[in-house]
Amino acid sequence: MNRSIVKVRDMNSDDNFYVADLIQEWRPTEARYLEHSYPRDTLDVVATVDEQIVGWISYKIKPCNPDVLATYEDSTENWLYIVEVFVSPSSRRHGVGSQLLSFAEAQGKSADVRYSIVMPEAGDGAHGFTPGLYEFYNERGYELMEPSRKNYSGAEPWLMGLKL
């Protein structure tokens, strides 16, 4: 990805097939759903280089989830939940993931959200500590938070948060 200009924009239904192709090896079930344009309850954004999709972020702005954030269960404010971020292997380490994350954080700020959280998933789909993901979020200011419970797989979940 030689000095190409990365553009970040809202995902549209015409992008479903391309995002599905992008994430096929990482999330095959999600990819199949995307190919069929299933309705999503998230906000989705893509990053493109020369009109080709090279990254995707999915996020929500919603009230605190006490199952995940027991410490804040009395909170009535909205939080920015980073659901998924994926960058094609050939586009990694070129700022694409950072631009996608910055876009979602800016949307959160414009909605008066004060906190962004992420619960990264390990490659096998079970929540578990993954050094590369930890470094990605930590370098962008996210810090580990105390999770409130183990997830359905029994793996120890880990949360990272950022005050916007």
C-alpha atoms as a PDB file:
ATOM      1  CA  MET A   1       0.000   0.000   0.000  1.00  0.00           C
ATOM      2  CA  ASN A   2       2.455   2.601  -1.213  1.00  0.00           C
ATOM      3  CA  ARG A   3       1.441   6.061  -0.018  1.00  0.00           C
ATOM      4  CA  SER A   4      -2.111   5.565  -1.178  1.00  0.00           C
ATOM      5  CA  ILE A   5      -4.852   7.824   0.089  1.00  0.00           C
ATOM      6  CA  VAL A   6      -7.174   6.105   2.523  1.00  0.00           C
ATOM      7  CA  LYS A   7     -10.783   7.290   2.463  1.00  0.00           C
ATOM      8  CA  VAL A   8     -13.216   6.454   5.246  1.00  0.00           C
ATOM      9  CA  ARG A   9     -16.948   6.505   4.572  1.00  0.00           C
ATOM     10  CA  ASP A  10     -20.228   5.031   5.743  1.00  0.00           C
ATOM     11  CA  MET A  11     -20.845   1.525   4.474  1.00  0.00           C
ATOM     12  CA  ASN A  12     -23.768   1.064   2.098  1.00  0.00           C
ATOM     13  CA  SER A  13     -25.611  -2.056   0.936  1.00  0.00           C
ATOM     14  CA  ASP A  14     -23.519  -2.188  -2.243  1.00  0.00           C
ATOM     15  CA  ASP A  15     -20.470  -2.762  -0.011  1.00  0.00           C
ATOM     16  CA  ASN A  16     -21.811  -5.907   1.689  1.00  0.00           C
ATOM     17  CA  PHE A  17     -20.306  -8.362  -0.772  1.00  0.00           C
ATOM     18  CA  TYR A  18     -16.892  -6.657  -0.672  1.00  0.00           C
ATOM     19  CA  VAL A  19     -16.784  -6.516   3.122  1.00  0.00           C
ATOM     20  CA  ALA A  20     -17.892 -10.165   3.222  1.00  0.00           C
ATOM     21  CA  ASP A  21     -14.986 -11.047   0.969  1.00  0.00           C
ATOM     22  CA  LEU A  22     -12.614  -8.991   3.116  1.00  0.00           C
ATOM     23  CA  ILE A  23     -13.557 -10.789   6.353  1.00  0.00           C
ATOM     24  CA  GLN A  24     -14.203 -14.278   4.934  1.00  0.00           C
ATOM     25  CA  GLU A  25     -11.189 -15.972   6.543  1.00  0.00           C
ATOM     26  CA  TRP A  26     -11.562 -14.095   9.843  1.00  0.00           C
ATOM     27  CA  ARG A  27     -15.327 -14.313  10.373  1.00  0.00           C
ATOM     28  CA  PRO A  28     -16.886 -16.762   7.858  1.00  0.00           C
ATOM     29  CA  THR A  29     -20.345 -16.784   9.472  1.00  0.00           C
ATOM     30  CA  GLU A  30     -20.498 -12.983   9.571  1.00  0.00           C
ATOM     31  CA  ALA A  31     -19.291 -12.910   5.954  1.00  0.00           C
ATOM     32  CA  ARG A  32     -22.153 -15.199   4.835  1.00  0.00           C
ATOM     33  CA  TYR A  33     -24.691 -12.951   6.563  1.00  0.00           C
ATOM     34  CA  LEU A  34     -23.206  -9.845   4.963  1.00  0.00           C
ATOM     35  CA  GLU A  35     -23.392 -11.409   1.517  1.00  0.00           C
ATOM     36  CA  HIS A  36     -27.145 -11.655   1.993  1.00  0.00           C
ATOM     37  CA  SER A  37     -27.541  -8.060   3.245  1.00  0.00           C
ATOM     38  CA  TYR A  38     -29.010  -9.031   6.587  1.00  0.00           C
ATOM     39  CA  PRO A  39     -30.222  -6.132   8.747  1.00  0.00           C
ATOM     40  CA  ARG A  40     -27.630  -4.982  11.284  1.00  0.00           C
ATOM     41  CA  ASP A  41     -28.078  -3.085  14.521  1.00  0.00           C
ATOM     42  CA  THR A  42     -24.663  -1.467  14.193  1.00  0.00           C
ATOM     43  CA  LEU A  43     -23.163   1.484  12.390  1.00  0.00           C
ATOM     44  CA  ASP A  44     -20.695   0.291   9.762  1.00  0.00           C
ATOM     45  CA  VAL A  45     -17.891   2.181   8.065  1.00  0.00           C
ATOM     46  CA  VAL A  46     -15.367   1.144   5.437  1.00  0.00           C
ATOM     47  CA  ALA A  47     -11.905   2.339   4.490  1.00  0.00           C
ATOM     48  CA  THR A  48     -11.011   2.366   0.818  1.00  0.00           C
ATOM     49  CA  VAL A  49      -7.846   2.784  -1.208  1.00  0.00           C
ATOM     50  CA  ASP A  50      -8.317   3.444  -4.907  1.00  0.00           C
ATOM     51  CA  GLU A  51     -12.015   2.541  -4.512  1.00  0.00           C
ATOM     52  CA  GLN A  52     -11.146  -0.899  -3.066  1.00  0.00           C
ATOM     53  CA  ILE A  53     -12.355  -1.730   0.454  1.00  0.00           C
ATOM     54  CA  VAL A  54      -9.369  -2.454   2.701  1.00  0.00           C
ATOM     55  CA  GLY A  55     -10.915  -2.051   6.158  1.00  0.00           C
ATOM     56  CA  TRP A  56     -14.166  -2.119   8.112  1.00  0.00           C
ATOM     57  CA  ILE A  57     -15.377  -1.044  11.539  1.00  0.00           C
ATOM     58  CA  SER A  58     -18.688  -1.810  13.166  1.00  0.00           C
ATOM     59  CA  TYR A  59     -19.828   0.138  16.241  1.00  0.00           C
ATOM     60  CA  LYS A  60     -22.826   1.094  18.353  1.00  0.00           C
ATOM     61  CA  ILE A  61     -23.774   4.079  20.444  1.00  0.00           C
ATOM     62  CA  LYS A  62     -26.033   2.875  23.225  1.00  0.00           C
ATOM     63  CA  PRO A  63     -26.555   2.903  27.007  1.00  0.00           C
ATOM     64  CA  CYS A  64     -24.216   0.992  29.287  1.00  0.00           C
ATOM     65  CA  ASN A  65     -24.533  -2.801  29.222  1.00  0.00           C
ATOM     66  CA  PRO A  66     -24.471  -3.899  32.896  1.00  0.00           C
ATOM     67  CA  ASP A  67     -23.657  -7.490  31.900  1.00  0.00           C
ATOM     68  CA  VAL A  68     -20.331  -6.246  30.606  1.00  0.00           C
ATOM     69  CA  LEU A  69     -19.743  -3.119  32.676  1.00  0.00           C
ATOM     70  CA  ALA A  70     -21.090  -3.904  36.133  1.00  0.00           C
ATOM     71  CA  THR A  71     -19.085  -1.031  37.625  1.00  0.00           C
ATOM     72  CA  TYR A  72     -21.193   1.383  35.591  1.00  0.00           C
ATOM     73  CA  GLU A  73     -24.552  -0.419  35.786  1.00  0.00           C
ATOM     74  CA  ASP A  74     -26.287   2.669  37.154  1.00  0.00           C
ATOM     75  CA  SER A  75     -25.066   4.786  34.262  1.00  0.00           C
ATOM     76  CA  THR A  76     -27.767   6.222  32.039  1.00  0.00           C
ATOM     77  CA  GLU A  77     -25.411   7.767  29.507  1.00  0.00           C
ATOM     78  CA  ASN A  78     -24.599   6.357  26.096  1.00  0.00           C
ATOM     79  CA  TRP A  79     -21.308   4.594  25.388  1.00  0.00           C
ATOM     80  CA  LEU A  80     -19.466   3.979  22.141  1.00  0.00           C
ATOM     81  CA  TYR A  81     -19.066   0.209  21.690  1.00  0.00           C
ATOM     82  CA  ILE A  82     -16.469  -0.817  19.134  1.00  0.00           C
ATOM     83  CA  VAL A  83     -17.904  -4.123  17.926  1.00  0.00           C
ATOM     84  CA  GLU A  84     -15.448  -5.178  15.211  1.00  0.00           C
ATOM     85  CA  VAL A  85     -12.490  -3.728  13.339  1.00  0.00           C
ATOM     86  CA  PHE A  86     -10.805  -5.494  10.463  1.00  0.00           C
ATOM     87  CA  VAL A  87      -8.071  -4.385   8.065  1.00  0.00           C
ATOM     88  CA  SER A  88      -6.858  -6.483   5.149  1.00  0.00           C
ATOM     89  CA  PRO A  89      -3.456  -8.032   5.889  1.00  0.00           C
ATOM     90  CA  SER A  90      -1.807  -6.080   3.049  1.00  0.00           C
ATOM     91  CA  SER A  91      -3.101  -2.768   4.468  1.00  0.00           C
ATOM     92  CA  ARG A  92      -2.098  -3.276   8.095  1.00  0.00           C
ATOM     93  CA  ARG A  93       0.404  -0.939   9.723  1.00  0.00           C
ATOM     94  CA  HIS A  94      -0.514   1.853   7.304  1.00  0.00           C
ATOM     95  CA  GLY A  95      -2.951   3.747   9.541  1.00  0.00           C
ATOM     96  CA  VAL A  96      -6.160   2.232   8.174  1.00  0.00           C
ATOM     97  CA  GLY A  97      -7.282   0.794  11.525  1.00  0.00           C
ATOM     98  CA  SER A  98      -6.437   4.052  13.270  1.00  0.00           C
ATOM     99  CA  GLN A  99      -8.481   6.052  10.779  1.00  0.00           C
ATOM    100  CA  LEU A 100     -11.474   3.745  11.198  1.00  0.00           C
ATOM    101  CA  LEU A 101     -11.241   3.943  14.991  1.00  0.00           C
ATOM    102  CA  SER A 102     -10.859   7.740  14.880  1.00  0.00           C
ATOM    103  CA  PHE A 103     -13.959   7.992  12.678  1.00  0.00           C
ATOM    104  CA  ALA A 104     -16.065   5.992  15.169  1.00  0.00           C
ATOM    105  CA  GLU A 105     -14.689   7.987  18.118  1.00  0.00           C
ATOM    106  CA  ALA A 106     -15.538  11.262  16.357  1.00  0.00           C
ATOM    107  CA  GLN A 107     -19.098  10.014  15.847  1.00  0.00           C
ATOM    108  CA  GLY A 108     -19.266   9.169  19.539  1.00  0.00           C
ATOM    109  CA  LYS A 109     -18.008  12.607  20.533  1.00  0.00           C
ATOM    110  CA  SER A 110     -20.558  14.295  18.268  1.00  0.00           C
ATOM    111  CA  ALA A 111     -23.261  12.279  20.070  1.00  0.00           C
ATOM    112  CA  ASP A 112     -21.935  13.521  23.444  1.00  0.00           C
ATOM    113  CA  VAL A 113     -20.540  10.102  24.362  1.00  0.00           C
ATOM    114  CA  ARG A 114     -17.798  10.256  26.991  1.00  0.00           C
ATOM    115  CA  TYR A 115     -16.460   6.676  26.852  1.00  0.00           C
ATOM    116  CA  SER A 116     -15.473   4.230  24.155  1.00  0.00           C
ATOM    117  CA  ILE A 117     -15.036   0.549  24.971  1.00  0.00           C
ATOM    118  CA  VAL A 118     -13.900  -2.499  23.096  1.00  0.00           C
ATOM    119  CA  MET A 119     -13.961  -6.212  23.951  1.00  0.00           C
ATOM    120  CA  PRO A 120     -11.563  -7.699  21.397  1.00  0.00           C
ATOM    121  CA  GLU A 121     -11.981 -11.259  20.234  1.00  0.00           C
ATOM    122  CA  ALA A 122      -9.221 -13.773  19.758  1.00  0.00           C
ATOM    123  CA  GLY A 123      -8.832 -15.358  16.341  1.00  0.00           C
ATOM    124  CA  ASP A 124     -10.891 -18.416  17.289  1.00  0.00           C
ATOM    125  CA  GLY A 125     -13.919 -16.269  18.068  1.00  0.00           C
ATOM    126  CA  ALA A 126     -13.630 -16.656  21.845  1.00  0.00           C
ATOM    127  CA  HIS A 127     -12.844 -13.587  23.893  1.00  0.00           C
ATOM    128  CA  GLY A 128      -9.309 -13.928  25.134  1.00  0.00           C
ATOM    129  CA  PHE A 129      -6.232 -11.794  25.523  1.00  0.00           C
ATOM    130  CA  THR A 130      -4.495 -11.234  22.189  1.00  0.00           C
ATOM    131  CA  PRO A 131      -1.225  -9.263  22.372  1.00  0.00           C
ATOM    132  CA  GLY A 132      -1.504  -7.712  18.871  1.00  0.00           C
ATOM    133  CA  LEU A 133      -4.996  -6.348  19.560  1.00  0.00           C
ATOM    134  CA  TYR A 134      -3.959  -5.108  22.988  1.00  0.00           C
ATOM    135  CA  GLU A 135      -1.074  -3.184  21.444  1.00  0.00           C
ATOM    136  CA  PHE A 136      -3.275  -1.721  18.697  1.00  0.00           C
ATOM    137  CA  TYR A 137      -5.791  -0.290  21.159  1.00  0.00           C
ATOM    138  CA  ASN A 138      -3.233   0.634  23.818  1.00  0.00           C
ATOM    139  CA  GLU A 139      -1.228   2.684  21.308  1.00  0.00           C
ATOM    140  CA  ARG A 140      -4.428   4.625  20.653  1.00  0.00           C
ATOM    141  CA  GLY A 141      -5.007   5.438  24.312  1.00  0.00           C
ATOM    142  CA  TYR A 142      -7.250   2.549  25.370  1.00  0.00           C
ATOM    143  CA  GLU A 143      -6.578   1.034  28.793  1.00  0.00           C
ATOM    144  CA  LEU A 144      -7.599  -2.273  30.323  1.00  0.00           C
ATOM    145  CA  MET A 145     -10.828  -2.197  32.344  1.00  0.00           C
ATOM    146  CA  GLU A 146     -12.150  -4.743  34.814  1.00  0.00           C
ATOM    147  CA  PRO A 147     -14.698  -7.033  33.142  1.00  0.00           C
ATOM    148  CA  SER A 148     -17.719  -8.054  35.154  1.00  0.00           C
ATOM    149  CA  ARG A 149     -18.086 -11.703  34.125  1.00  0.00           C
ATOM    150  CA  LYS A 150     -16.700 -14.462  31.967  1.00  0.00           C
ATOM    151  CA  ASN A 151     -18.181 -14.800  28.536  1.00  0.00           C
ATOM    152  CA  TYR A 152     -20.161 -17.736  27.225  1.00  0.00           C
ATOM    153  CA  SER A 153     -17.045 -19.589  26.057  1.00  0.00           C
ATOM    154  CA  GLY A 154     -15.542 -19.611  29.539  1.00  0.00           C
ATOM    155  CA  ALA A 155     -12.518 -17.626  28.385  1.00  0.00           C
ATOM    156  CA  GLU A 156     -11.495 -14.673  30.491  1.00  0.00           C
ATOM    157  CA  PRO A 157     -12.884 -11.558  28.745  1.00  0.00           C
ATOM    158  CA  TRP A 158     -10.937  -8.384  28.566  1.00  0.00           C
ATOM    159  CA  LEU A 159     -12.186  -4.871  28.055  1.00  0.00           C
ATOM    160  CA  MET A 160     -10.357  -1.746  27.049  1.00  0.00           C
ATOM    161  CA  GLY A 161     -11.730   1.732  27.425  1.00  0.00           C
ATOM    162  CA  LEU A 162     -10.949   5.278  26.411  1.00  0.00           C
ATOM    163  CA  LYS A 163     -12.363   8.520  27.771  1.00  0.00           C
ATOM    164  CA  LEU A 164     -13.308  10.593  24.724  1.00  0.00           C
END
